N, C-alpha and C. Protein backbone atom coordinates (compact mmCIF):
# COMPACT_ATOMS: atom_id res chain seq x y z
N MET A 1 132.47 -127.83 151.72
CA MET A 1 131.20 -127.20 151.92
C MET A 1 130.58 -126.86 150.58
N PRO A 2 129.27 -127.18 150.37
CA PRO A 2 128.65 -126.86 149.11
C PRO A 2 128.52 -125.39 148.87
N ARG A 3 128.55 -124.98 147.62
CA ARG A 3 128.30 -123.54 147.27
C ARG A 3 126.81 -123.14 147.52
N PRO A 4 126.54 -122.04 148.02
CA PRO A 4 125.21 -121.56 148.21
C PRO A 4 124.53 -121.48 146.75
N ARG A 5 123.36 -121.86 146.67
CA ARG A 5 122.57 -121.89 145.44
C ARG A 5 121.43 -120.75 145.58
N ILE A 6 121.55 -119.76 144.71
CA ILE A 6 120.70 -118.59 144.80
C ILE A 6 119.84 -118.56 143.51
N GLY A 7 118.46 -118.53 143.72
CA GLY A 7 117.58 -118.31 142.60
C GLY A 7 117.44 -116.77 142.37
N LEU A 8 117.48 -116.40 141.10
CA LEU A 8 117.32 -114.99 140.71
C LEU A 8 116.06 -114.74 139.98
N LEU A 9 115.16 -113.96 140.48
CA LEU A 9 113.90 -113.68 139.85
C LEU A 9 113.94 -112.20 139.52
N GLY A 10 114.20 -111.86 138.32
CA GLY A 10 114.24 -110.46 137.89
C GLY A 10 112.95 -109.99 137.37
N GLY A 11 112.77 -108.75 137.35
CA GLY A 11 111.56 -108.17 136.72
C GLY A 11 111.31 -106.74 137.20
N SER A 12 110.30 -106.14 136.57
CA SER A 12 109.88 -104.77 136.95
C SER A 12 109.11 -104.76 138.31
N PHE A 13 108.44 -105.87 138.63
CA PHE A 13 107.65 -105.97 139.84
C PHE A 13 106.70 -104.78 139.87
N ASN A 14 105.91 -104.65 138.83
CA ASN A 14 105.01 -103.46 138.63
C ASN A 14 103.61 -103.88 138.54
N PRO A 15 102.97 -104.38 139.57
CA PRO A 15 103.48 -104.48 140.97
C PRO A 15 103.98 -105.92 141.24
N ALA A 16 104.65 -106.17 142.39
CA ALA A 16 104.94 -107.48 142.85
C ALA A 16 103.59 -108.13 143.27
N HIS A 17 103.46 -109.42 142.95
CA HIS A 17 102.14 -110.12 143.23
C HIS A 17 102.41 -111.51 143.74
N ARG A 18 101.33 -112.16 144.08
CA ARG A 18 101.44 -113.48 144.71
C ARG A 18 102.04 -114.56 143.78
N GLY A 19 101.98 -114.30 142.47
CA GLY A 19 102.70 -115.26 141.55
C GLY A 19 104.19 -115.19 141.71
N HIS A 20 104.77 -114.04 141.96
CA HIS A 20 106.17 -113.91 142.23
C HIS A 20 106.54 -114.75 143.47
N ARG A 21 105.73 -114.53 144.52
CA ARG A 21 106.02 -115.21 145.79
C ARG A 21 105.89 -116.66 145.66
N ARG A 22 104.79 -117.14 145.00
CA ARG A 22 104.52 -118.54 144.85
C ARG A 22 105.64 -119.20 144.05
N LEU A 23 106.07 -118.61 142.96
CA LEU A 23 107.19 -119.13 142.20
C LEU A 23 108.45 -119.23 143.02
N SER A 24 108.75 -118.17 143.83
CA SER A 24 109.93 -118.23 144.71
C SER A 24 109.86 -119.36 145.78
N LEU A 25 108.70 -119.50 146.34
CA LEU A 25 108.63 -120.64 147.41
C LEU A 25 108.70 -121.92 146.71
N ASP A 26 108.11 -122.09 145.52
CA ASP A 26 108.19 -123.39 144.79
C ASP A 26 109.63 -123.69 144.40
N ALA A 27 110.38 -122.59 144.00
CA ALA A 27 111.78 -122.70 143.60
C ALA A 27 112.62 -123.19 144.81
N LEU A 28 112.44 -122.52 145.92
CA LEU A 28 113.16 -122.96 147.17
C LEU A 28 113.03 -124.37 147.42
N ALA A 29 111.75 -124.84 147.36
CA ALA A 29 111.51 -126.24 147.73
C ALA A 29 111.96 -127.24 146.63
N ARG A 30 111.59 -126.99 145.38
CA ARG A 30 111.86 -127.97 144.31
C ARG A 30 113.28 -127.91 143.76
N LEU A 31 113.92 -126.82 143.83
CA LEU A 31 115.30 -126.69 143.30
C LEU A 31 116.35 -126.81 144.44
N GLY A 32 115.90 -126.89 145.67
CA GLY A 32 116.89 -126.97 146.74
C GLY A 32 117.73 -125.76 146.90
N LEU A 33 117.13 -124.59 146.68
CA LEU A 33 117.86 -123.30 146.75
C LEU A 33 118.05 -122.89 148.17
N ASP A 34 119.10 -122.18 148.46
CA ASP A 34 119.26 -121.61 149.76
C ASP A 34 118.49 -120.26 149.92
N ARG A 35 118.42 -119.50 148.86
CA ARG A 35 117.71 -118.20 148.86
C ARG A 35 117.18 -117.94 147.46
N VAL A 36 116.26 -116.99 147.41
CA VAL A 36 115.81 -116.42 146.17
C VAL A 36 116.00 -114.90 146.31
N TRP A 37 116.53 -114.30 145.29
CA TRP A 37 116.71 -112.91 145.25
C TRP A 37 115.83 -112.33 144.20
N TRP A 38 115.00 -111.35 144.56
CA TRP A 38 114.16 -110.61 143.61
C TRP A 38 114.98 -109.42 143.16
N LEU A 39 115.32 -109.36 141.84
CA LEU A 39 116.05 -108.29 141.34
C LEU A 39 115.16 -107.30 140.63
N VAL A 40 114.82 -106.28 141.37
CA VAL A 40 113.83 -105.24 140.87
C VAL A 40 114.56 -104.39 139.81
N SER A 41 114.12 -104.44 138.61
CA SER A 41 114.75 -103.69 137.54
C SER A 41 114.32 -102.21 137.57
N PRO A 42 115.34 -101.32 137.31
CA PRO A 42 114.99 -99.91 137.27
C PRO A 42 114.04 -99.60 136.20
N GLN A 43 114.23 -100.26 135.00
CA GLN A 43 113.38 -100.06 133.82
C GLN A 43 113.69 -101.23 132.86
N ASN A 44 112.68 -102.12 132.68
CA ASN A 44 112.79 -103.20 131.68
C ASN A 44 112.83 -102.53 130.33
N VAL A 45 113.90 -102.80 129.59
CA VAL A 45 114.13 -102.19 128.29
C VAL A 45 113.10 -102.65 127.26
N LEU A 46 112.38 -103.75 127.50
CA LEU A 46 111.39 -104.21 126.57
C LEU A 46 109.97 -103.69 126.87
N LYS A 47 109.85 -102.92 127.97
CA LYS A 47 108.53 -102.40 128.43
C LYS A 47 108.53 -100.87 128.32
N PRO A 48 107.37 -100.24 127.98
CA PRO A 48 107.37 -98.78 127.96
C PRO A 48 107.51 -98.13 129.36
N GLU A 49 108.05 -97.02 129.42
CA GLU A 49 108.11 -96.29 130.72
C GLU A 49 106.72 -95.82 131.17
N ALA A 50 105.85 -95.53 130.24
CA ALA A 50 104.47 -95.16 130.59
C ALA A 50 103.80 -96.20 131.38
N GLY A 51 103.24 -95.80 132.46
CA GLY A 51 102.57 -96.82 133.24
C GLY A 51 103.46 -97.52 134.30
N MET A 52 104.77 -97.23 134.21
CA MET A 52 105.70 -97.85 135.17
C MET A 52 105.73 -97.03 136.43
N ALA A 53 105.43 -97.69 137.60
CA ALA A 53 105.46 -97.06 138.83
C ALA A 53 106.88 -96.66 139.18
N PRO A 54 107.11 -95.65 140.08
CA PRO A 54 108.44 -95.23 140.36
C PRO A 54 109.23 -96.43 141.00
N PHE A 55 110.48 -96.45 140.72
CA PHE A 55 111.32 -97.61 141.22
C PHE A 55 111.20 -97.77 142.73
N ALA A 56 111.32 -96.77 143.55
CA ALA A 56 111.23 -96.91 145.01
C ALA A 56 109.91 -97.50 145.44
N HIS A 57 108.82 -97.13 144.74
CA HIS A 57 107.54 -97.74 145.09
C HIS A 57 107.46 -99.24 144.76
N ARG A 58 108.07 -99.63 143.61
CA ARG A 58 108.13 -101.06 143.19
C ARG A 58 108.97 -101.88 144.14
N LEU A 59 110.09 -101.27 144.49
CA LEU A 59 110.99 -101.96 145.48
C LEU A 59 110.35 -102.14 146.80
N GLN A 60 109.70 -101.07 147.31
CA GLN A 60 108.95 -101.18 148.57
C GLN A 60 107.85 -102.25 148.54
N GLY A 61 107.10 -102.21 147.50
CA GLY A 61 106.04 -103.19 147.33
C GLY A 61 106.56 -104.63 147.28
N ALA A 62 107.60 -104.83 146.55
CA ALA A 62 108.25 -106.16 146.51
C ALA A 62 108.73 -106.62 147.86
N ARG A 63 109.30 -105.70 148.66
CA ARG A 63 109.76 -106.06 149.96
C ARG A 63 108.60 -106.41 150.92
N ALA A 64 107.51 -105.68 150.80
CA ALA A 64 106.34 -105.95 151.62
C ALA A 64 105.75 -107.32 151.30
N LEU A 65 105.69 -107.66 149.97
CA LEU A 65 105.07 -108.84 149.60
C LEU A 65 106.02 -110.13 149.85
N ALA A 66 107.25 -109.95 149.67
CA ALA A 66 108.17 -111.09 149.83
C ALA A 66 108.09 -111.69 151.24
N ALA A 67 108.24 -110.93 152.20
CA ALA A 67 108.00 -111.24 153.65
C ALA A 67 108.42 -112.72 154.01
N HIS A 68 109.62 -113.12 153.56
CA HIS A 68 110.13 -114.45 153.93
C HIS A 68 111.58 -114.35 154.15
N ARG A 69 112.08 -115.12 155.17
CA ARG A 69 113.48 -115.00 155.53
C ARG A 69 114.42 -115.48 154.43
N ARG A 70 113.89 -116.27 153.45
CA ARG A 70 114.80 -116.81 152.42
C ARG A 70 114.59 -116.12 151.09
N ILE A 71 113.70 -114.98 151.09
CA ILE A 71 113.60 -114.18 149.86
C ILE A 71 114.12 -112.82 150.14
N ARG A 72 115.03 -112.38 149.39
CA ARG A 72 115.71 -111.07 149.54
C ARG A 72 115.30 -110.21 148.29
N VAL A 73 114.89 -109.01 148.54
CA VAL A 73 114.50 -108.09 147.48
C VAL A 73 115.72 -107.11 147.35
N SER A 74 116.22 -107.02 146.08
CA SER A 74 117.47 -106.30 145.81
C SER A 74 117.29 -105.23 144.74
N ASP A 75 118.14 -104.17 144.91
CA ASP A 75 118.23 -103.11 143.89
C ASP A 75 119.55 -103.27 143.21
N PHE A 76 120.08 -104.49 143.07
CA PHE A 76 121.41 -104.73 142.55
C PHE A 76 121.60 -104.11 141.13
N GLU A 77 120.64 -104.23 140.24
CA GLU A 77 120.82 -103.62 138.87
C GLU A 77 121.01 -102.12 138.97
N THR A 78 120.34 -101.46 139.87
CA THR A 78 120.52 -99.96 139.97
C THR A 78 121.89 -99.69 140.52
N ARG A 79 122.29 -100.41 141.51
CA ARG A 79 123.66 -100.16 142.10
C ARG A 79 124.77 -100.57 141.15
N ALA A 80 124.59 -101.69 140.39
CA ALA A 80 125.63 -102.12 139.36
C ALA A 80 125.55 -101.38 138.05
N GLY A 81 124.47 -100.66 137.86
CA GLY A 81 124.35 -99.92 136.58
C GLY A 81 124.13 -100.80 135.37
N THR A 82 123.50 -102.03 135.59
CA THR A 82 123.25 -102.96 134.47
C THR A 82 121.84 -102.77 133.96
N ARG A 83 121.64 -103.01 132.70
CA ARG A 83 120.29 -102.88 132.16
C ARG A 83 119.78 -104.21 131.54
N TYR A 84 120.70 -105.12 131.22
CA TYR A 84 120.41 -106.35 130.52
C TYR A 84 120.80 -107.55 131.42
N THR A 85 119.98 -108.60 131.37
CA THR A 85 120.15 -109.74 132.27
C THR A 85 121.51 -110.33 132.11
N VAL A 86 121.99 -110.51 130.86
CA VAL A 86 123.31 -111.06 130.71
C VAL A 86 124.35 -110.33 131.36
N ASP A 87 124.27 -109.02 131.44
CA ASP A 87 125.28 -108.18 132.13
C ASP A 87 125.06 -108.23 133.68
N THR A 88 123.81 -108.33 134.13
CA THR A 88 123.51 -108.42 135.47
C THR A 88 124.04 -109.70 136.07
N LEU A 89 123.87 -110.85 135.36
CA LEU A 89 124.45 -112.12 135.82
C LEU A 89 125.93 -112.09 135.89
N ALA A 90 126.56 -111.48 134.94
CA ALA A 90 128.04 -111.35 134.94
C ALA A 90 128.50 -110.51 136.08
N ALA A 91 127.82 -109.46 136.41
CA ALA A 91 128.19 -108.54 137.51
C ALA A 91 127.93 -109.26 138.82
N LEU A 92 126.85 -109.99 138.94
CA LEU A 92 126.66 -110.82 140.13
C LEU A 92 127.63 -111.84 140.38
N ALA A 93 128.13 -112.48 139.37
CA ALA A 93 129.18 -113.46 139.47
C ALA A 93 130.46 -112.83 140.00
N ARG A 94 130.79 -111.62 139.53
CA ARG A 94 132.00 -110.94 140.00
C ARG A 94 131.82 -110.50 141.48
N ALA A 95 130.60 -109.93 141.75
CA ALA A 95 130.34 -109.38 143.10
C ALA A 95 130.17 -110.44 144.15
N CYS A 96 129.65 -111.63 143.78
CA CYS A 96 129.35 -112.66 144.72
C CYS A 96 130.01 -113.96 144.32
N PRO A 97 131.33 -114.04 144.36
CA PRO A 97 131.95 -115.31 143.94
C PRO A 97 131.60 -116.43 144.99
N GLY A 98 131.72 -117.65 144.48
CA GLY A 98 131.41 -118.80 145.34
C GLY A 98 129.94 -119.09 145.50
N ARG A 99 129.11 -118.50 144.62
CA ARG A 99 127.69 -118.83 144.64
C ARG A 99 127.28 -119.40 143.27
N ASP A 100 126.27 -120.32 143.29
CA ASP A 100 125.76 -120.80 142.01
C ASP A 100 124.44 -120.12 141.88
N PHE A 101 124.24 -119.36 140.80
CA PHE A 101 122.97 -118.73 140.53
C PHE A 101 122.15 -119.48 139.55
N VAL A 102 120.85 -119.46 139.75
CA VAL A 102 119.82 -120.10 138.87
C VAL A 102 118.80 -119.02 138.53
N PHE A 103 118.73 -118.78 137.24
CA PHE A 103 117.80 -117.75 136.72
C PHE A 103 116.34 -118.32 136.70
N LEU A 104 115.46 -117.66 137.33
CA LEU A 104 114.02 -118.06 137.41
C LEU A 104 113.14 -117.09 136.66
N ALA A 105 112.18 -117.71 135.94
CA ALA A 105 111.27 -116.88 135.17
C ALA A 105 110.01 -117.63 134.79
N GLY A 106 109.01 -116.90 134.33
CA GLY A 106 107.81 -117.57 133.81
C GLY A 106 108.04 -118.08 132.39
N ALA A 107 107.17 -118.92 131.91
CA ALA A 107 107.26 -119.48 130.56
C ALA A 107 107.17 -118.39 129.50
N ASP A 108 106.52 -117.33 129.80
CA ASP A 108 106.42 -116.14 128.90
C ASP A 108 107.78 -115.62 128.54
N ILE A 109 108.76 -115.66 129.46
CA ILE A 109 110.05 -115.18 129.28
C ILE A 109 110.82 -116.11 128.27
N LEU A 110 110.59 -117.34 128.40
CA LEU A 110 111.19 -118.33 127.40
C LEU A 110 110.79 -117.95 126.00
N ALA A 111 109.49 -117.59 125.80
CA ALA A 111 109.06 -117.18 124.47
C ALA A 111 109.65 -115.80 124.06
N GLN A 112 109.98 -114.95 125.04
CA GLN A 112 110.56 -113.62 124.64
C GLN A 112 112.01 -113.66 124.53
N LEU A 113 112.66 -114.66 125.01
CA LEU A 113 114.10 -114.72 125.11
C LEU A 113 114.87 -114.27 123.81
N PRO A 114 114.39 -114.62 122.66
CA PRO A 114 115.18 -114.14 121.49
C PRO A 114 115.17 -112.60 121.31
N ARG A 115 114.38 -111.93 121.99
CA ARG A 115 114.30 -110.41 121.97
C ARG A 115 115.41 -109.80 122.94
N TRP A 116 115.91 -110.68 123.77
CA TRP A 116 116.85 -110.17 124.76
C TRP A 116 118.28 -109.98 124.25
N ARG A 117 118.97 -109.08 124.78
CA ARG A 117 120.39 -108.79 124.36
C ARG A 117 121.23 -110.05 124.71
N ARG A 118 121.94 -110.51 123.70
CA ARG A 118 122.90 -111.55 123.81
C ARG A 118 122.21 -112.82 124.48
N TRP A 119 121.04 -113.18 124.05
CA TRP A 119 120.33 -114.24 124.73
C TRP A 119 121.02 -115.64 124.59
N ARG A 120 121.68 -115.82 123.51
CA ARG A 120 122.35 -117.11 123.34
C ARG A 120 123.54 -117.22 124.31
N GLU A 121 124.18 -116.15 124.57
CA GLU A 121 125.26 -116.09 125.57
C GLU A 121 124.70 -116.35 126.96
N LEU A 122 123.66 -115.73 127.31
CA LEU A 122 122.86 -115.99 128.54
C LEU A 122 122.58 -117.45 128.65
N ALA A 123 122.00 -118.09 127.61
CA ALA A 123 121.59 -119.45 127.67
C ALA A 123 122.81 -120.38 127.78
N ARG A 124 123.91 -120.02 127.18
CA ARG A 124 125.19 -120.81 127.27
C ARG A 124 125.78 -120.81 128.71
N ASN A 125 125.60 -119.74 129.41
CA ASN A 125 126.31 -119.54 130.64
C ASN A 125 125.51 -119.71 131.93
N ALA A 126 124.17 -119.64 131.81
CA ALA A 126 123.28 -119.60 132.99
C ALA A 126 122.50 -120.92 133.17
N ARG A 127 122.10 -121.21 134.35
CA ARG A 127 121.12 -122.28 134.62
C ARG A 127 119.74 -121.53 134.58
N LEU A 128 118.89 -121.98 133.59
CA LEU A 128 117.63 -121.28 133.36
C LEU A 128 116.44 -122.20 133.74
N VAL A 129 115.57 -121.71 134.58
CA VAL A 129 114.43 -122.49 134.98
C VAL A 129 113.21 -121.61 134.78
N PHE A 130 112.28 -122.10 133.94
CA PHE A 130 111.07 -121.36 133.61
C PHE A 130 109.90 -122.13 134.26
N TRP A 131 108.90 -121.35 134.66
CA TRP A 131 107.73 -121.92 135.32
C TRP A 131 106.52 -121.88 134.43
N ASN A 132 105.72 -122.86 134.42
CA ASN A 132 104.50 -122.91 133.70
C ASN A 132 103.62 -121.66 133.94
N ARG A 133 103.10 -121.10 132.85
CA ARG A 133 102.19 -119.98 132.95
C ARG A 133 100.98 -120.24 132.01
N PRO A 134 99.77 -120.09 132.42
CA PRO A 134 98.64 -120.33 131.56
C PRO A 134 98.71 -119.44 130.34
N GLY A 135 98.45 -120.18 129.15
CA GLY A 135 98.49 -119.47 127.92
C GLY A 135 99.85 -119.17 127.32
N HIS A 136 100.92 -119.58 127.98
CA HIS A 136 102.25 -119.34 127.50
C HIS A 136 103.14 -120.48 127.34
N SER A 137 102.98 -121.52 128.20
CA SER A 137 103.99 -122.61 128.23
C SER A 137 104.08 -123.38 126.92
N HIS A 138 102.94 -123.87 126.39
CA HIS A 138 103.03 -124.69 125.17
C HIS A 138 103.55 -123.93 123.97
N ARG A 139 103.11 -122.62 123.92
CA ARG A 139 103.62 -121.75 122.83
C ARG A 139 105.09 -121.55 122.97
N ALA A 140 105.53 -121.29 124.18
CA ALA A 140 106.99 -121.07 124.51
C ALA A 140 107.80 -122.29 124.06
N LEU A 141 107.33 -123.49 124.35
CA LEU A 141 108.03 -124.69 124.01
C LEU A 141 108.11 -124.92 122.49
N ARG A 142 107.31 -124.31 121.77
CA ARG A 142 107.42 -124.36 120.24
C ARG A 142 108.14 -123.18 119.66
N GLY A 143 108.58 -122.23 120.48
CA GLY A 143 109.19 -121.05 119.96
C GLY A 143 110.70 -121.14 119.59
N GLN A 144 111.22 -120.06 119.20
CA GLN A 144 112.55 -119.96 118.67
C GLN A 144 113.63 -120.38 119.75
N ALA A 145 113.52 -119.84 121.01
CA ALA A 145 114.48 -120.16 122.02
C ALA A 145 114.51 -121.70 122.37
N ALA A 146 113.28 -122.21 122.71
CA ALA A 146 113.21 -123.62 123.07
C ALA A 146 113.67 -124.55 121.97
N THR A 147 113.38 -124.18 120.71
CA THR A 147 113.86 -124.93 119.61
C THR A 147 115.35 -124.91 119.45
N ALA A 148 115.98 -123.66 119.57
CA ALA A 148 117.37 -123.55 119.45
C ALA A 148 118.10 -124.19 120.52
N LEU A 149 117.48 -124.26 121.75
CA LEU A 149 118.16 -124.80 122.98
C LEU A 149 117.69 -126.20 123.27
N ARG A 150 116.98 -126.85 122.40
CA ARG A 150 116.33 -128.18 122.79
C ARG A 150 117.34 -129.23 123.29
N ARG A 151 118.58 -129.24 122.79
CA ARG A 151 119.53 -130.25 123.29
C ARG A 151 119.92 -129.99 124.72
N LYS A 152 119.71 -128.86 125.22
CA LYS A 152 120.22 -128.47 126.57
C LYS A 152 118.99 -128.54 127.55
N ARG A 153 117.79 -128.93 127.08
CA ARG A 153 116.63 -128.98 127.94
C ARG A 153 116.68 -130.21 128.83
N ARG A 154 116.41 -130.07 130.09
CA ARG A 154 116.39 -131.21 131.02
C ARG A 154 114.96 -131.30 131.57
N ARG A 155 114.61 -132.48 132.05
CA ARG A 155 113.32 -132.69 132.67
C ARG A 155 113.25 -132.00 134.01
N ASP A 156 112.05 -131.55 134.37
CA ASP A 156 111.97 -130.72 135.63
C ASP A 156 112.41 -131.55 136.85
N ARG A 157 112.30 -132.86 136.80
CA ARG A 157 112.76 -133.66 137.97
C ARG A 157 114.31 -133.58 138.18
N LEU A 158 115.00 -133.20 137.14
CA LEU A 158 116.45 -133.04 137.18
C LEU A 158 116.91 -131.55 137.46
N ALA A 159 115.93 -130.72 137.71
CA ALA A 159 116.26 -129.25 137.84
C ALA A 159 117.24 -128.95 138.97
N ARG A 160 117.30 -129.71 139.99
CA ARG A 160 118.23 -129.43 141.14
C ARG A 160 119.67 -129.61 140.64
N ARG A 161 119.88 -130.36 139.57
CA ARG A 161 121.25 -130.65 139.14
C ARG A 161 121.65 -130.00 137.84
N LEU A 162 120.92 -128.87 137.48
CA LEU A 162 121.20 -128.18 136.22
C LEU A 162 122.63 -127.66 136.27
N LYS A 163 123.32 -127.81 135.13
CA LYS A 163 124.60 -127.20 134.95
C LYS A 163 124.50 -125.86 134.15
N PRO A 164 125.48 -125.01 134.22
CA PRO A 164 125.44 -123.78 133.34
C PRO A 164 125.18 -124.25 131.88
N GLY A 165 124.28 -123.52 131.23
CA GLY A 165 123.90 -123.83 129.85
C GLY A 165 122.74 -124.77 129.73
N GLU A 166 122.21 -125.25 130.82
CA GLU A 166 121.01 -126.12 130.76
C GLU A 166 119.76 -125.45 131.26
N TRP A 167 118.64 -125.91 130.86
CA TRP A 167 117.33 -125.24 131.21
C TRP A 167 116.25 -126.30 131.32
N CYS A 168 115.21 -125.85 132.01
CA CYS A 168 114.01 -126.73 132.11
C CYS A 168 112.78 -125.86 132.23
N LEU A 169 111.67 -126.49 132.02
CA LEU A 169 110.34 -125.88 132.34
C LEU A 169 109.73 -126.69 133.48
N MET A 170 109.38 -125.96 134.53
CA MET A 170 108.78 -126.58 135.71
C MET A 170 107.27 -126.55 135.60
N TRP A 171 106.73 -127.76 135.62
CA TRP A 171 105.26 -127.87 135.60
C TRP A 171 104.73 -127.88 137.02
N SER A 172 103.91 -126.98 137.31
CA SER A 172 103.30 -126.94 138.63
C SER A 172 101.91 -126.22 138.45
N LEU A 173 101.20 -126.20 139.54
CA LEU A 173 99.92 -125.54 139.45
C LEU A 173 100.17 -124.09 139.20
N ALA A 174 99.81 -123.70 137.96
CA ALA A 174 100.02 -122.29 137.57
C ALA A 174 99.01 -121.34 138.11
N MET A 175 99.53 -120.09 138.35
CA MET A 175 98.63 -119.04 138.90
C MET A 175 98.36 -118.06 137.67
N PRO A 176 97.12 -117.90 137.41
CA PRO A 176 96.73 -116.91 136.34
C PRO A 176 96.80 -115.46 136.84
N VAL A 177 97.93 -115.03 137.23
CA VAL A 177 98.03 -113.66 137.76
C VAL A 177 99.18 -112.98 136.99
N SER A 178 99.00 -111.71 136.73
CA SER A 178 100.08 -110.95 136.04
C SER A 178 100.02 -109.46 136.49
N GLY A 179 101.16 -108.82 136.47
CA GLY A 179 101.23 -107.40 136.83
C GLY A 179 100.37 -106.61 135.89
N THR A 180 100.37 -106.97 134.61
CA THR A 180 99.55 -106.17 133.63
C THR A 180 98.02 -106.28 134.06
N ALA A 181 97.55 -107.42 134.35
CA ALA A 181 96.14 -107.64 134.77
C ALA A 181 95.83 -106.85 135.98
N ILE A 182 96.76 -106.83 136.93
CA ILE A 182 96.57 -106.08 138.21
C ILE A 182 96.49 -104.61 137.97
N ARG A 183 97.38 -104.11 137.09
CA ARG A 183 97.37 -102.66 136.73
C ARG A 183 96.08 -102.25 136.02
N GLN A 184 95.53 -103.18 135.28
CA GLN A 184 94.28 -102.93 134.51
C GLN A 184 93.08 -103.20 135.33
N GLY A 185 93.22 -103.61 136.56
CA GLY A 185 92.14 -103.78 137.44
C GLY A 185 91.34 -105.08 137.18
N LEU A 186 91.95 -106.03 136.50
CA LEU A 186 91.26 -107.24 136.14
C LEU A 186 91.39 -108.30 137.33
């Protein structure tokens, strides 16, 4: 029996928006995932606490927006006591053996990856799938992480078969929506 394939979309979800949902639905279809889990972060260490809605509010908003039988909203990081993605993925592997996890994110995260704790370890051990985002994708592909990991990049048509340590950028109709713009009323 094949191992369940779970997409992991982490973030502050401040607030959750239709871009999160669209990415998740696209990932389910294009990557052949069984489920997508939204991992609502108690506090992103790279973002200021000022302007961050209370965790319970962000979790509730994500659950209301997800509204799909194959999207699960989780407070795993709070329960596991992890703050960094590399530690969260290791804790998930221990807590949920027998599953293959695929890390999902926007192209802006590919550009930010070198600021993440133990990012090279994360890239060595995880399947990473980034989604096109207006104004971020081409810059991200010229950035430090994409350059350092270029030998492990796979074409998006091969994304269903990524092995740990491989990554790709999915080109799709990008949605110009962000939590920052929503908070600023744009």
